[in-house]
């Protein structure tokens, strides 16, 4: 049984981006797109807008409304947003 402290997250707890290289920000839990310059998690709406943009960038033919629905579903599985109440 290990008694060492858990290692830092390897993926963003908000969007699953890797936490190294070009994605590294000031936080050990969130990528530079999901956190501000001090490492604090951005608002749900700001993070969701980023996920919508990301989905639309690689999912051919997906409109913004569909990408928004997919982003809400995707973010419910992320530790940062698992307890976030979503209307509708």
Protein backbone atom coordinates (compact mmCIF):
# COMPACT_ATOMS: atom_id res chain seq x y z
CA UNK A 1 0.00 0.00 0.00
CA UNK A 2 1.38 3.37 -1.04
CA UNK A 3 1.45 6.24 1.41
CA UNK A 4 2.73 8.86 -1.03
CA UNK A 5 0.59 11.81 -2.05
CA UNK A 6 -1.35 11.43 -5.28
CA UNK A 7 0.43 12.73 -8.36
CA UNK A 8 -0.77 15.83 -10.16
CA UNK A 9 -3.50 15.38 -12.73
CA UNK A 10 -2.28 14.54 -16.23
CA UNK A 11 -5.43 15.80 -17.94
CA UNK A 12 -7.59 18.87 -17.42
CA UNK A 13 -10.43 18.18 -14.98
CA UNK A 14 -12.65 20.47 -17.04
CA UNK A 15 -12.09 19.37 -20.66
CA UNK A 16 -9.57 16.46 -20.68
CA UNK A 17 -6.83 18.40 -22.50
CA UNK A 18 -3.33 17.24 -21.56
CA UNK A 19 -1.71 19.34 -18.84
CA UNK A 20 1.64 19.69 -20.51
CA UNK A 21 3.18 21.34 -23.53
CA UNK A 22 1.04 23.95 -25.25
CA UNK A 23 -1.89 23.28 -22.91
CA UNK A 24 -0.04 24.00 -19.66
CA UNK A 25 -1.32 26.95 -17.68
CA UNK A 26 -0.96 28.14 -14.09
CA UNK A 27 -3.05 25.28 -12.65
CA UNK A 28 -2.17 21.67 -11.90
CA UNK A 29 -5.81 20.67 -12.48
CA UNK A 30 -6.96 22.77 -15.45
CA UNK A 31 -5.50 23.57 -18.86
CA UNK A 32 -4.75 27.13 -19.96
CA UNK A 33 -8.06 27.25 -21.85
CA UNK A 34 -10.20 26.34 -18.82
CA UNK A 35 -8.35 28.44 -16.25
CA UNK A 36 -7.39 32.07 -15.93
CA UNK A 37 -3.85 33.42 -15.61
CA UNK A 38 -3.86 32.66 -11.85
CA UNK A 39 -4.96 29.05 -12.35
CA UNK A 40 -8.56 29.55 -11.21
CA UNK A 41 -11.20 27.62 -13.11
CA UNK A 42 -13.15 29.79 -15.55
CA UNK A 43 -16.93 29.93 -15.38
CA UNK A 44 -18.99 27.03 -16.69
CA UNK A 45 -20.22 29.14 -19.61
CA UNK A 46 -16.68 30.16 -20.60
CA UNK A 47 -15.43 26.58 -20.43
CA UNK A 48 -18.47 25.30 -22.33
CA UNK A 49 -17.90 27.85 -25.10
CA UNK A 50 -14.39 26.45 -25.49
CA UNK A 51 -15.66 22.87 -25.68
CA UNK A 52 -18.29 23.91 -28.26
CA UNK A 53 -15.59 25.54 -30.37
CA UNK A 54 -13.37 22.46 -30.04
CA UNK A 55 -16.19 20.09 -31.04
CA UNK A 56 -17.08 22.19 -34.08
CA UNK A 57 -13.42 22.30 -35.14
CA UNK A 58 -13.21 18.56 -35.79
CA UNK A 59 -16.77 17.23 -36.06
CA UNK A 60 -17.73 17.77 -39.69
CA UNK A 61 -21.18 19.25 -40.30
CA UNK A 62 -22.01 19.86 -36.63
CA UNK A 63 -23.92 23.08 -36.04
CA UNK A 64 -23.55 25.21 -32.91
CA UNK A 65 -26.77 23.97 -31.28
CA UNK A 66 -25.72 20.33 -31.65
CA UNK A 67 -22.19 21.09 -30.46
CA UNK A 68 -23.68 22.87 -27.43
CA UNK A 69 -25.81 19.82 -26.54
CA UNK A 70 -22.78 17.57 -26.91
CA UNK A 71 -20.65 19.90 -24.80
CA UNK A 72 -23.18 19.85 -21.95
CA UNK A 73 -23.28 16.05 -22.04
CA UNK A 74 -19.47 15.78 -22.24
CA UNK A 75 -18.87 18.22 -19.39
CA UNK A 76 -21.17 16.32 -17.02
CA UNK A 77 -18.53 13.57 -17.04
CA UNK A 78 -15.70 15.94 -16.09
CA UNK A 79 -14.71 16.19 -12.41
CA UNK A 80 -14.85 19.99 -12.47
CA UNK A 81 -18.48 20.01 -13.62
CA UNK A 82 -19.93 16.73 -12.36
CA UNK A 83 -22.02 18.50 -9.68
CA UNK A 84 -22.93 21.47 -11.90
CA UNK A 85 -26.70 21.78 -12.33
CA UNK A 86 -27.65 22.24 -15.96
CA UNK A 87 -31.10 23.52 -16.91
CA UNK A 88 -33.03 21.79 -19.64
